[in-house]
Amino acid sequence: MSEATNTQVIGKVVQVAGPAVDIQFPEGQVPVIYTAVRITSEGFDTPFPIDVTAEVMQHLGEGRVRTVALQPTEGLVRGMKAVSLGEPITMPVGKQTLGRVLNVLGQPVDEMGPVQTEKRYPIHRPAPPFEEQSTTTEMFETGIKVIDLLEPYLRGGKIGLFGGA
């Protein structure tokens, strides 16, 4: 099996099946699992420019990897250039992200300009250790008086709260 690498490597798209895109890299230079790969239509005559980000999900052997596209794959064809970015997809974190709407790539979609933050975390990262997690019991206020009174929820847990008219 070929060695996985965390550096920028150029490959070619060899198969597109819905959101699954197989990419051929030089043998021995396949990107590691969860690495971001950028696929562009550079050098191809396409009706619209293509710039798709995909994430490596599986090593197929002989320099080939299977990725999952995080944007529509319409217009992708075999032979297109794919560049391993050498790092995983990251999201901005911090107070500047509160109230913002971001897509899966960490880009703002709320038309409020770029997110000004220095800290970014990979989307696949281990959970914080128990020592760093809060153990205090706090009530989660939904703002709906009936629910807060009759069925209060604890902060930090998972709840399913459905509404209808």
Protein backbone atom coordinates (compact mmCIF):
# COMPACT_ATOMS: atom_id res chain seq x y z
CA MET A 1 0.00 0.00 0.00
CA SER A 2 1.25 3.48 -0.79
CA GLU A 3 2.41 5.95 1.82
CA ALA A 4 -0.04 8.69 2.81
CA THR A 5 1.29 12.23 2.85
CA ASN A 6 0.23 15.55 4.36
CA THR A 7 1.72 17.78 1.64
CA GLN A 8 0.26 19.38 -1.46
CA VAL A 9 0.16 16.88 -4.31
CA ILE A 10 -1.41 17.18 -7.77
CA GLY A 11 -3.64 14.40 -9.10
CA LYS A 12 -6.32 13.77 -11.73
CA VAL A 13 -10.00 12.93 -11.48
CA VAL A 14 -10.55 9.38 -12.79
CA GLN A 15 -14.20 8.75 -11.88
CA VAL A 16 -17.23 10.78 -10.81
CA ALA A 17 -20.29 9.00 -9.40
CA GLY A 18 -22.61 11.51 -7.75
CA PRO A 19 -20.76 13.06 -4.80
CA ALA A 20 -18.08 10.32 -4.85
CA VAL A 21 -15.01 11.34 -6.84
CA ASP A 22 -12.05 9.01 -7.39
CA ILE A 23 -8.70 10.75 -7.87
CA GLN A 24 -5.39 9.29 -9.06
CA PHE A 25 -2.27 10.65 -7.34
CA PRO A 26 1.35 9.65 -7.92
CA GLU A 27 1.91 6.35 -6.13
CA GLY A 28 3.47 6.91 -2.73
CA GLN A 29 2.05 10.44 -2.50
CA VAL A 30 -1.63 9.88 -1.69
CA PRO A 31 -3.12 12.37 0.78
CA VAL A 32 -4.07 11.14 4.25
CA ILE A 33 -7.70 10.46 5.16
CA TYR A 34 -9.76 13.67 5.81
CA THR A 35 -7.41 15.82 3.72
CA ALA A 36 -9.13 18.51 1.64
CA VAL A 37 -8.74 18.27 -2.15
CA ARG A 38 -9.56 21.12 -4.53
CA ILE A 39 -10.78 20.18 -8.02
CA THR A 40 -10.77 22.88 -10.71
CA SER A 41 -11.65 23.14 -14.39
CA GLU A 42 -8.27 24.75 -15.14
CA GLY A 43 -7.31 23.83 -18.71
CA PHE A 44 -10.79 22.52 -19.57
CA ASP A 45 -13.38 24.22 -21.77
CA THR A 46 -16.42 24.24 -19.48
CA PRO A 47 -19.58 26.39 -19.69
CA PHE A 48 -18.93 27.63 -16.14
CA PRO A 49 -15.85 27.60 -13.90
CA ILE A 50 -15.58 24.61 -11.59
CA ASP A 51 -14.01 24.86 -8.15
CA VAL A 52 -15.08 21.94 -5.94
CA THR A 53 -13.69 20.97 -2.56
CA ALA A 54 -13.71 17.28 -1.67
CA GLU A 55 -12.50 15.30 1.32
CA VAL A 56 -10.44 12.10 1.15
CA MET A 57 -12.46 9.24 2.65
CA GLN A 58 -10.77 6.05 1.43
CA HIS A 59 -7.48 4.82 0.00
CA LEU A 60 -8.23 2.45 -2.88
CA GLY A 61 -4.63 1.44 -3.55
CA GLU A 62 -2.16 2.11 -6.37
CA GLY A 63 -2.27 5.87 -5.79
CA ARG A 64 -6.05 6.14 -6.06
CA VAL A 65 -8.28 7.71 -3.40
CA ARG A 66 -12.04 8.07 -3.07
CA THR A 67 -13.25 11.49 -2.00
CA VAL A 68 -16.64 12.95 -1.15
CA ALA A 69 -17.41 16.28 -2.80
CA LEU A 70 -18.78 18.94 -0.47
CA GLN A 71 -20.24 20.95 -3.33
CA PRO A 72 -22.23 19.96 -6.43
CA THR A 73 -20.25 17.80 -8.88
CA GLU A 74 -22.13 18.98 -11.96
CA GLY A 75 -19.66 19.51 -14.78
CA LEU A 76 -16.82 17.44 -13.27
CA VAL A 77 -15.15 15.21 -15.84
CA ARG A 78 -12.29 12.74 -15.89
CA GLY A 79 -8.86 14.28 -16.21
CA MET A 80 -9.59 17.44 -14.25
CA LYS A 81 -6.81 18.69 -12.00
CA ALA A 82 -7.13 17.85 -8.29
CA VAL A 83 -4.78 19.42 -5.76
CA SER A 84 -4.42 17.97 -2.28
CA LEU A 85 -4.35 20.95 0.09
CA GLY A 86 -2.23 19.06 2.62
CA GLU A 87 -4.59 19.78 5.52
CA PRO A 88 -8.13 18.94 6.64
CA ILE A 89 -11.13 21.21 6.22
CA THR A 90 -11.24 23.71 9.08
CA MET A 91 -13.91 25.95 10.58
CA PRO A 92 -13.41 29.35 12.20
CA VAL A 93 -14.11 29.33 15.94
CA GLY A 94 -14.53 32.04 18.55
CA LYS A 95 -16.93 34.80 19.51
CA GLN A 96 -16.79 36.23 15.98
CA THR A 97 -18.70 33.19 14.69
CA LEU A 98 -21.67 33.61 17.06
CA GLY A 99 -24.79 34.49 15.08
CA ARG A 100 -23.06 33.83 11.75
CA VAL A 101 -24.19 31.31 9.13
CA LEU A 102 -21.33 29.23 7.70
CA ASN A 103 -21.28 26.47 5.12
CA VAL A 104 -19.50 23.13 5.58
CA LEU A 105 -16.23 24.69 4.37
CA GLY A 106 -16.32 27.45 7.00
CA GLN A 107 -17.24 30.16 4.49
CA PRO A 108 -19.91 32.70 5.52
CA VAL A 109 -23.17 32.55 3.59
CA ASP A 110 -24.99 35.30 5.51
CA GLU A 111 -23.71 38.23 3.39
CA MET A 112 -22.10 39.85 6.46
CA GLY A 113 -18.56 39.68 5.08
CA PRO A 114 -15.69 37.38 6.06
CA VAL A 115 -15.36 36.00 9.59
CA GLN A 116 -12.45 37.78 11.30
CA THR A 117 -10.98 35.11 13.56
CA GLU A 118 -7.49 33.75 14.05
CA LYS A 119 -8.44 30.33 15.41
CA ARG A 120 -9.66 27.52 13.15
CA TYR A 121 -10.34 23.90 14.12
CA PRO A 122 -10.48 20.85 11.84
CA ILE A 123 -13.99 19.47 11.31
CA HIS A 124 -12.76 16.01 12.38
CA ARG A 125 -11.17 16.46 15.78
CA PRO A 126 -11.30 14.44 18.97
CA ALA A 127 -13.75 15.37 21.70
CA PRO A 128 -12.30 17.38 24.58
CA PRO A 129 -11.21 15.30 27.57
CA PHE A 130 -13.69 14.96 30.44
CA GLU A 131 -11.43 17.10 32.64
CA GLU A 132 -12.05 20.09 30.34
CA GLN A 133 -15.82 19.64 30.17
CA SER A 134 -18.20 21.45 32.50
CA THR A 135 -19.90 19.25 35.08
CA THR A 136 -22.26 21.84 36.59
CA THR A 137 -25.99 21.24 36.24
CA GLU A 138 -27.72 24.16 34.54
CA MET A 139 -31.21 24.46 33.16
CA PHE A 140 -31.64 25.26 29.48
CA GLU A 141 -34.27 27.97 29.01
CA THR A 142 -36.14 27.51 25.75
CA GLY A 143 -38.13 30.71 26.16
CA ILE A 144 -41.36 28.71 25.92
CA LYS A 145 -42.93 28.97 29.39
CA VAL A 146 -44.95 25.75 29.20
CA ILE A 147 -41.91 23.66 28.25
CA ASP A 148 -39.61 25.37 30.77
CA LEU A 149 -42.16 24.70 33.55
CA LEU A 150 -43.49 21.23 32.70
CA GLU A 151 -40.53 19.61 30.92
CA PRO A 152 -37.29 21.46 31.72
CA TYR A 153 -34.12 20.47 29.86
CA LEU A 154 -30.54 20.36 31.12
CA ARG A 155 -27.93 22.48 29.33
CA GLY A 156 -25.37 20.48 27.35
CA GLY A 157 -27.56 17.48 26.59
CA LYS A 158 -29.28 16.50 23.38
CA ILE A 159 -32.95 17.34 22.94
CA GLY A 160 -35.49 17.10 20.19
CA LEU A 161 -37.81 20.08 20.33
CA PHE A 162 -40.44 20.11 17.60
CA GLY A 163 -43.06 22.74 16.96
CA GLY A 164 -46.05 23.21 14.78
CA ALA A 165 -49.04 25.43 14.35
